[in-house]
Amino acid sequence: MYKILKKRTLCEKVNEYVIEAPAVAKHARPGQFIILRPDEEGERIPLTICDYDRDRGTVTVLVQEVGYTTMKLAAIPQGGSISDFVGPLGNATELDGYGNVALIGGGIGTAVIYPQAKHLKAEGRPADVIIGARNKSLIMYEDEFRAAAKNLYLTTDDGSYVRKGFVTDVLKELLDSGKNYDCVFAVGPMPMMRAVAEMTRPYGIKTIVSMNTIMVDGTGMCGGCRLTVGGETKYACVHGPEFDGHLIDWNEAINRGKVYRSEERRHVCMLTGEKE
């Protein structure tokens, strides 16, 4: 069993968990993920590592309540335990050799880019960070990013905080002003990541995205997270989760992400008593 040492709500239906998992923390690197099960009867869900502390033996993950299993996890209090916590899995982010990096986070993807921001700051290569959310209440880790970023840019869809617009609006303004990035790293909803990749394409800027797609076993055996990259079939759990955003077949990836929506809705209704 893995103890939840700390649990806090960052915004509506988004919880941060600090899990006691020394073996995972010992080997964790930015960009990798874990797979957990709330209980022995639960399904396996992949979650990107948001932070880790090797000395304390802890790993931090951020979870949005969007389905049956994440709702079961949300019901476990601080001090409680979860059944399984496996990792680190996947390949770490490769940012070596890039001196001028932009990190872009949309929604819950904001937490995913935090380890990269910390890593680059520690190496003396702090990144520009662009964070976007639907509204002010959904902006997460603002103080943490202010401490780790070279420059922090915030934007909200409804204009309720700092400025109105999307992360791509900010990125375009920076590029048009003469910013010359060696690499752009984006994490968020697939349409957002696709938009970032299409924006950087004419500039020839290396663009990395994190494909947190449907995963089950995390070893490439089930094929649930397959996608097409540069005309070749890849599996996000073993070949990724990060890929060149300019090479992904985005239409295929987005359509695959919709496959299990009706089944997930059925399980949520079973848990909450709502009608389908």
Foldseek 3Di string as FASTA:
>chain_A
DKAFQDWDDLFPQKIKTKIQAQVALQPDAAFFWKWFAQEPPGAIAIFGFLDHDNVRRITMTMAGPDFQRSVVNVPADHGGDGDDIDDRFFDHDDPPPWQEEEEEEEQSSLSSCLRVLQVCQVVVRFYEYEYEYQADSRDPPPVSNVVRHPHYHYEHCVQRPDGHDGSVVVVVVCVVVPDDGQEYEYEDDLVNLLSNLVSCVVVVHFYKYFLSADDGPLPCPPVLQWFWFQNDIDHCSYNHSMDGSNGTPSVVSVVSRCVCPVVRVVSRCVVPVDDD
